[in-house]
N, C-alpha and C. Protein backbone atom coordinates (compact mmCIF):
# COMPACT_ATOMS: atom_id res chain seq x y z
N UNK A 1 69.49 16.32 -97.87
CA UNK A 1 69.75 17.00 -99.08
C UNK A 1 69.96 16.59 -100.39
N UNK A 2 69.36 16.79 -101.47
CA UNK A 2 69.81 16.05 -102.75
C UNK A 2 70.78 16.64 -103.26
N UNK A 3 72.03 15.74 -104.26
CA UNK A 3 73.22 16.33 -104.79
C UNK A 3 72.83 17.92 -105.70
N UNK A 4 71.30 17.50 -106.07
CA UNK A 4 71.06 18.55 -107.15
C UNK A 4 70.93 20.15 -106.26
N UNK A 5 70.53 20.03 -105.25
CA UNK A 5 70.05 21.26 -104.32
C UNK A 5 71.74 21.66 -104.06
N UNK A 6 72.74 20.80 -103.89
CA UNK A 6 73.88 20.84 -102.98
C UNK A 6 74.92 21.86 -104.41
N UNK A 7 74.52 21.07 -105.55
CA UNK A 7 75.31 21.78 -106.69
C UNK A 7 74.67 22.94 -107.17
N UNK A 8 73.73 23.59 -106.48
CA UNK A 8 72.54 24.76 -107.32
C UNK A 8 73.25 25.39 -106.14
N UNK A 9 73.49 25.25 -104.80
CA UNK A 9 74.10 26.18 -103.63
C UNK A 9 75.64 26.68 -104.07
N UNK A 10 76.61 25.37 -104.31
CA UNK A 10 77.55 26.05 -104.75
C UNK A 10 77.40 26.70 -106.19
N UNK A 11 77.11 26.62 -106.79
CA UNK A 11 77.04 27.43 -107.68
C UNK A 11 76.37 28.67 -107.67
N UNK A 12 75.44 29.21 -107.25
CA UNK A 12 75.03 30.21 -106.91
C UNK A 12 76.29 31.09 -105.77
N UNK A 13 76.80 30.30 -105.00
CA UNK A 13 77.58 31.41 -103.34
C UNK A 13 78.77 31.71 -105.04
N UNK A 14 79.12 30.57 -105.67
CA UNK A 14 80.81 30.87 -106.53
C UNK A 14 80.24 32.16 -107.31
N UNK A 15 79.14 32.42 -108.34
CA UNK A 15 78.67 32.90 -109.11
C UNK A 15 78.61 34.25 -108.43
N UNK A 16 77.87 34.44 -107.54
CA UNK A 16 77.61 35.51 -106.56
C UNK A 16 79.19 36.44 -106.19
N UNK A 17 79.71 35.74 -105.73
CA UNK A 17 80.87 36.33 -105.37
C UNK A 17 81.61 36.55 -106.61
N UNK A 18 81.50 35.76 -107.43
CA UNK A 18 82.47 36.16 -108.66
C UNK A 18 82.06 37.42 -109.89
N UNK A 19 80.47 37.52 -109.69
CA UNK A 19 79.58 38.81 -110.19
C UNK A 19 79.75 39.67 -109.13
N UNK A 20 79.92 39.91 -108.31
CA UNK A 20 80.24 41.12 -107.07
C UNK A 20 81.18 42.25 -107.28
N UNK A 21 82.27 41.10 -107.59
CA UNK A 21 83.27 41.50 -107.54
C UNK A 21 83.55 42.50 -109.18
N UNK A 22 82.80 42.25 -110.03
CA UNK A 22 82.98 42.74 -111.93
C UNK A 22 82.86 44.27 -111.61
N UNK A 23 81.67 44.25 -110.68
CA UNK A 23 81.66 46.21 -110.47
C UNK A 23 83.37 46.60 -110.54
N UNK A 24 83.50 46.54 -109.54
CA UNK A 24 84.99 47.13 -108.83
C UNK A 24 86.01 46.95 -109.73
N UNK A 25 85.73 45.96 -110.58
CA UNK A 25 87.53 45.00 -111.84
C UNK A 25 87.00 46.35 -112.77
N UNK A 26 85.86 46.50 -113.22
CA UNK A 26 85.19 47.18 -114.22
C UNK A 26 85.15 48.50 -114.25
N UNK A 27 85.31 49.31 -113.05
CA UNK A 27 85.04 50.55 -113.19
C UNK A 27 85.96 51.05 -112.37
N UNK A 28 86.82 50.20 -112.30
CA UNK A 28 88.43 50.81 -112.05
C UNK A 28 88.44 51.44 -110.70
N UNK A 29 87.93 50.64 -109.94
CA UNK A 29 87.64 50.98 -108.00
C UNK A 29 89.06 51.24 -107.24
N UNK A 30 89.38 52.44 -107.06
CA UNK A 30 90.82 52.43 -106.25
C UNK A 30 91.39 51.08 -106.09
N UNK A 31 90.63 50.76 -105.08
CA UNK A 31 91.07 49.39 -104.17
C UNK A 31 91.32 47.47 -105.57
N UNK A 32 90.72 47.85 -106.57
CA UNK A 32 91.67 47.12 -107.78
C UNK A 32 92.24 47.26 -108.37
N UNK A 33 92.83 48.76 -108.54
CA UNK A 33 93.69 49.08 -109.14
C UNK A 33 95.01 49.32 -108.95
N UNK A 34 94.37 49.25 -107.23
CA UNK A 34 96.02 49.28 -106.17
C UNK A 34 96.39 47.55 -106.30
N UNK A 35 95.28 46.77 -106.11
CA UNK A 35 95.75 45.64 -106.46
C UNK A 35 96.66 44.83 -107.22
N UNK A 36 95.73 45.34 -108.35
CA UNK A 36 96.46 44.90 -109.87
C UNK A 36 98.00 45.91 -110.17
N UNK A 37 98.08 46.79 -109.86
CA UNK A 37 99.50 47.65 -110.00
C UNK A 37 100.14 47.04 -108.83
N UNK A 38 99.91 46.50 -107.74
CA UNK A 38 101.09 45.97 -106.98
C UNK A 38 101.96 45.00 -107.66
N UNK A 39 100.95 44.06 -108.00
CA UNK A 39 101.13 42.81 -109.33
C UNK A 39 102.29 43.04 -110.52
N UNK A 40 101.35 44.03 -111.09
CA UNK A 40 102.37 44.54 -111.95
C UNK A 40 101.92 44.71 -113.24
N UNK A 41 100.14 44.12 -113.12
CA UNK A 41 99.10 43.70 -113.98
C UNK A 41 98.36 44.65 -114.37
N UNK A 42 98.26 45.94 -114.15
CA UNK A 42 97.28 46.88 -114.18
C UNK A 42 97.50 48.06 -115.33
N UNK A 43 96.26 47.84 -116.15
CA UNK A 43 95.19 47.42 -115.96
C UNK A 43 94.74 46.04 -116.83
N UNK A 44 96.05 45.46 -117.40
CA UNK A 44 95.27 44.43 -118.41
C UNK A 44 95.27 43.39 -117.28
N UNK A 45 95.54 43.53 -116.35
CA UNK A 45 95.14 42.20 -115.01
C UNK A 45 93.79 42.10 -114.91
N UNK A 46 93.16 42.69 -114.44
CA UNK A 46 92.43 43.32 -113.53
C UNK A 46 90.99 43.40 -114.63
N UNK A 47 90.94 43.87 -115.54
CA UNK A 47 90.07 43.84 -116.98
C UNK A 47 90.12 42.06 -117.43
N UNK A 48 91.16 41.59 -118.01
CA UNK A 48 91.34 39.94 -118.07
C UNK A 48 90.59 39.26 -117.20
N UNK A 49 91.33 39.49 -115.77
CA UNK A 49 90.17 38.86 -114.27
C UNK A 49 88.92 38.65 -114.18
N UNK A 50 88.30 40.01 -114.93
CA UNK A 50 87.16 40.16 -114.63
C UNK A 50 86.70 39.16 -115.56
N UNK A 51 86.99 39.86 -116.86
CA UNK A 51 86.40 38.81 -117.90
C UNK A 51 86.46 37.53 -117.97
N UNK A 52 87.50 37.13 -117.23
CA UNK A 52 87.57 35.62 -116.92
C UNK A 52 86.27 35.03 -115.48
N UNK A 53 85.91 35.81 -114.54
CA UNK A 53 85.28 35.61 -113.67
C UNK A 53 84.09 35.71 -113.99
N UNK A 54 83.62 36.87 -115.05
CA UNK A 54 82.68 36.84 -116.06
C UNK A 54 82.07 35.46 -116.67
N UNK A 55 82.93 35.27 -117.28
CA UNK A 55 82.81 33.72 -118.10
C UNK A 55 82.54 32.62 -117.24
N UNK A 56 83.52 32.45 -116.16
CA UNK A 56 83.69 31.43 -115.29
C UNK A 56 81.35 31.31 -114.53
N UNK A 57 81.18 32.71 -114.24
CA UNK A 57 79.84 32.85 -113.33
C UNK A 57 78.71 32.21 -114.52
N UNK A 58 78.82 32.73 -115.65
CA UNK A 58 77.96 32.28 -116.85
C UNK A 58 77.91 31.02 -116.73
N UNK A 59 79.41 30.58 -117.18
CA UNK A 59 79.38 28.97 -117.21
C UNK A 59 78.67 28.20 -116.05
N UNK A 60 79.08 28.42 -114.69
CA UNK A 60 78.70 28.00 -113.51
C UNK A 60 77.33 28.17 -113.72
N UNK A 61 76.12 28.72 -113.92
CA UNK A 61 75.38 29.05 -113.98
C UNK A 61 73.92 28.10 -114.95
N UNK A 62 74.89 27.21 -115.36
CA UNK A 62 74.69 26.69 -117.12
C UNK A 62 74.58 24.93 -116.69
N UNK A 63 73.71 24.39 -115.98
CA UNK A 63 74.26 22.83 -115.98
C UNK A 63 74.96 22.74 -116.36
N UNK A 64 75.02 22.20 -117.90
CA UNK A 64 75.55 22.06 -118.84
C UNK A 64 77.26 21.87 -119.05
N UNK A 65 77.30 23.19 -118.49
CA UNK A 65 78.54 23.68 -118.58
C UNK A 65 79.29 24.16 -116.54
N UNK A 66 78.32 23.84 -116.29
CA UNK A 66 79.21 24.05 -114.91
C UNK A 66 80.25 23.48 -114.50
N UNK A 67 81.01 22.47 -114.85
CA UNK A 67 82.29 21.94 -114.40
C UNK A 67 83.44 22.94 -115.54
N UNK A 68 83.21 23.31 -116.38
CA UNK A 68 83.88 24.46 -117.16
C UNK A 68 83.88 25.92 -116.58
N UNK A 69 82.84 26.09 -115.60
CA UNK A 69 82.20 27.24 -115.82
C UNK A 69 83.60 26.86 -113.84
N UNK A 70 83.30 25.87 -113.33
CA UNK A 70 84.48 25.87 -112.01
C UNK A 70 85.12 25.87 -112.32
N UNK A 71 85.88 24.79 -113.33
CA UNK A 71 87.42 24.65 -113.67
C UNK A 71 87.85 26.30 -113.90
N UNK A 72 87.33 27.01 -114.87
CA UNK A 72 88.10 28.61 -114.97
C UNK A 72 87.63 29.18 -113.33
N UNK A 73 86.66 29.10 -112.91
CA UNK A 73 86.98 29.40 -111.45
C UNK A 73 88.23 28.79 -110.83
N UNK A 74 88.30 27.98 -110.49
CA UNK A 74 89.32 27.04 -109.65
C UNK A 74 90.73 27.99 -110.15
N UNK A 75 90.36 28.12 -111.54
CA UNK A 75 92.18 28.22 -111.70
C UNK A 75 92.11 30.48 -111.72
N UNK A 76 91.42 30.96 -111.69
CA UNK A 76 91.41 32.27 -111.83
C UNK A 76 91.66 32.48 -110.05
N UNK A 77 90.79 31.33 -109.31
CA UNK A 77 91.15 31.78 -107.52
C UNK A 77 92.34 31.00 -107.42
N UNK A 78 92.92 29.87 -107.72
CA UNK A 78 94.28 29.97 -107.32
C UNK A 78 95.42 30.64 -107.69
N UNK A 79 95.23 31.75 -108.78
CA UNK A 79 95.88 32.69 -109.27
C UNK A 79 95.42 34.03 -107.91
N UNK A 80 94.49 34.43 -107.41
CA UNK A 80 93.96 35.10 -106.40
C UNK A 80 94.68 35.13 -105.58
N UNK A 81 94.22 33.76 -105.18
CA UNK A 81 95.04 33.26 -103.33
C UNK A 81 96.54 33.35 -103.41
N UNK A 82 97.24 32.97 -104.55
CA UNK A 82 98.93 32.36 -104.87
C UNK A 82 99.17 34.09 -104.74
N UNK A 83 98.74 35.11 -105.31
CA UNK A 83 99.09 36.29 -104.92
C UNK A 83 98.48 37.00 -103.64
N UNK A 84 97.58 37.04 -103.02
CA UNK A 84 97.74 37.23 -101.57
C UNK A 84 98.48 36.49 -100.88
N UNK A 85 99.13 35.30 -101.11
CA UNK A 85 99.99 34.81 -100.26
C UNK A 85 101.50 35.04 -100.14
N UNK A 86 102.12 35.39 -101.86
CA UNK A 86 103.17 35.95 -101.82
C UNK A 86 103.41 37.05 -102.48
N UNK A 87 102.27 37.98 -102.53
CA UNK A 87 102.51 39.08 -103.09
C UNK A 87 101.73 39.93 -102.36
N UNK A 88 100.74 39.98 -101.95
CA UNK A 88 99.20 41.39 -101.35
C UNK A 88 99.65 41.13 -100.13
N UNK A 89 99.49 39.99 -99.42
CA UNK A 89 99.46 39.46 -98.33
C UNK A 89 97.89 39.10 -98.06
N UNK A 90 97.51 38.25 -96.64
CA UNK A 90 96.23 37.80 -96.19
C UNK A 90 95.21 39.28 -96.52
N UNK A 91 95.24 40.42 -95.70
CA UNK A 91 94.67 41.44 -95.86
C UNK A 91 95.43 42.60 -97.20
N UNK A 92 94.44 43.58 -97.72
CA UNK A 92 94.99 43.85 -98.36
C UNK A 92 94.37 45.78 -97.97
N UNK A 93 94.76 46.64 -98.28
CA UNK A 93 94.45 47.01 -97.83
C UNK A 93 93.05 47.29 -96.46
N UNK A 94 93.59 47.00 -95.44
CA UNK A 94 92.98 46.84 -94.34
C UNK A 94 91.36 46.05 -94.56
N UNK A 95 91.95 44.98 -95.50
CA UNK A 95 89.83 44.70 -95.29
C UNK A 95 89.78 43.20 -94.80
N UNK A 96 90.71 43.55 -93.68
CA UNK A 96 90.59 42.18 -92.80
C UNK A 96 91.05 40.56 -93.55
N UNK A 97 91.40 40.63 -94.71
CA UNK A 97 91.35 39.45 -94.88
C UNK A 97 90.22 38.93 -96.20
N UNK A 98 89.63 39.97 -95.81
CA UNK A 98 88.02 40.13 -96.98
C UNK A 98 88.01 38.83 -98.34
N UNK A 99 88.95 39.68 -98.64
CA UNK A 99 89.01 39.21 -100.59
C UNK A 99 89.56 37.78 -100.48
N UNK A 100 90.81 37.51 -99.59
CA UNK A 100 91.76 36.57 -99.14
C UNK A 100 90.60 35.49 -98.63
N UNK A 101 89.83 35.96 -98.23
CA UNK A 101 88.36 34.60 -97.72
C UNK A 101 87.80 34.14 -98.95
N UNK A 102 87.41 35.08 -99.69
CA UNK A 102 85.98 35.33 -100.90
C UNK A 102 86.91 34.28 -101.87
N UNK A 103 88.10 34.56 -102.22
CA UNK A 103 88.63 34.03 -102.86
C UNK A 103 88.51 32.27 -102.20
N UNK A 104 89.17 31.87 -101.18
CA UNK A 104 88.68 30.65 -100.97
C UNK A 104 87.66 30.13 -100.88
N UNK A 105 86.68 30.85 -100.52
CA UNK A 105 85.20 30.37 -100.50
C UNK A 105 84.67 30.07 -101.82
N UNK A 106 85.42 30.58 -103.26
CA UNK A 106 84.68 30.54 -104.53
C UNK A 106 85.59 29.20 -104.87
N UNK A 107 87.20 28.67 -104.56
CA UNK A 107 88.09 27.89 -104.67
C UNK A 107 87.40 26.64 -104.06
N UNK A 108 86.85 26.53 -103.49
CA UNK A 108 86.62 25.46 -102.38
C UNK A 108 84.50 25.48 -103.01
N UNK A 109 83.87 26.05 -103.19
CA UNK A 109 82.58 26.13 -104.01
C UNK A 109 83.15 25.18 -105.41
N UNK A 110 84.39 25.77 -106.30
CA UNK A 110 84.49 24.91 -107.10
C UNK A 110 85.11 23.70 -107.58
N UNK A 111 85.94 23.72 -106.53
CA UNK A 111 86.69 22.49 -106.53
C UNK A 111 85.66 21.24 -106.16
N UNK A 112 84.47 21.82 -105.56
CA UNK A 112 83.51 20.70 -105.11
C UNK A 112 82.83 20.63 -105.63
N UNK A 113 82.00 21.49 -106.63
CA UNK A 113 81.76 20.72 -108.20
C UNK A 113 81.96 20.51 -109.23
N UNK A 114 83.95 20.58 -109.19
CA UNK A 114 84.53 19.55 -110.23
C UNK A 114 84.49 18.24 -109.76
N UNK A 115 84.12 18.38 -108.40
CA UNK A 115 84.33 16.41 -108.07
C UNK A 115 83.01 16.12 -107.76
N UNK A 116 82.11 17.25 -108.00
CA UNK A 116 80.47 16.62 -108.32
C UNK A 116 79.97 16.46 -109.35
N UNK A 117 80.82 16.73 -110.80
CA UNK A 117 80.96 16.66 -111.77
C UNK A 117 81.90 15.86 -112.23
N UNK A 118 82.41 15.37 -111.77
CA UNK A 118 84.06 14.45 -112.76
C UNK A 118 83.57 13.37 -113.53
N UNK A 119 82.64 12.97 -112.97
CA UNK A 119 81.69 12.30 -114.28
C UNK A 119 81.89 13.17 -116.30
N UNK A 120 81.37 14.44 -115.79
CA UNK A 120 80.82 15.26 -117.32
C UNK A 120 83.02 15.47 -117.45
N UNK A 121 83.39 15.80 -116.78
CA UNK A 121 85.00 16.34 -116.67
C UNK A 121 85.51 14.89 -117.06
N UNK A 122 85.75 14.26 -116.57
CA UNK A 122 86.13 11.97 -117.16
C UNK A 122 85.66 12.55 -118.70
N UNK A 123 84.27 12.42 -119.01
CA UNK A 123 84.06 12.22 -120.19
C UNK A 123 84.47 13.33 -121.58
N UNK A 124 84.76 14.31 -120.70
CA UNK A 124 85.03 15.51 -121.95
C UNK A 124 86.72 14.98 -122.38
N UNK A 125 87.17 14.56 -120.88
CA UNK A 125 88.73 13.83 -121.69
C UNK A 125 89.27 13.14 -122.00
N UNK A 126 87.86 11.89 -121.85
CA UNK A 126 88.42 10.97 -122.86
C UNK A 126 87.74 10.65 -124.05
N UNK A 127 87.17 11.77 -124.83
CA UNK A 127 86.86 12.10 -125.73
C UNK A 127 87.93 13.20 -126.69
N UNK A 128 88.79 13.84 -125.67
CA UNK A 128 90.33 13.99 -126.68
C UNK A 128 91.32 13.59 -126.72
N UNK A 129 91.99 13.63 -127.55
CA UNK A 129 93.10 12.98 -128.26
C UNK A 129 93.85 13.27 -127.42
N UNK A 130 94.71 12.86 -126.32
CA UNK A 130 95.53 13.93 -126.22
C UNK A 130 97.24 14.01 -126.19
């Protein structure tokens, strides 16, 4: 399997997971409201994370900006994973840890994409005066 095929598989898995959760965030599904209320950031945290995930999905699917979408997705999932580990617990409302597992899958895909796109990341960093 060539690198381009692997990149597309990682992009599609991460974007599909991120996009399917948007319905719950943007419609105010009880599960989402519960999570963000427990975190003390309902409704702005729910809507804000939904917007970040939507933007990350779009960036992931456009090859020129895949690395940027991966960075945004990884940051967003780091917040989700930390929320599960320190506040919510692995299992939320008897979901069997499904949301936590999905966050791990997206984080893995995003980290792998950042690694595979490290040349683009470094080129961007080198053009910026820090």
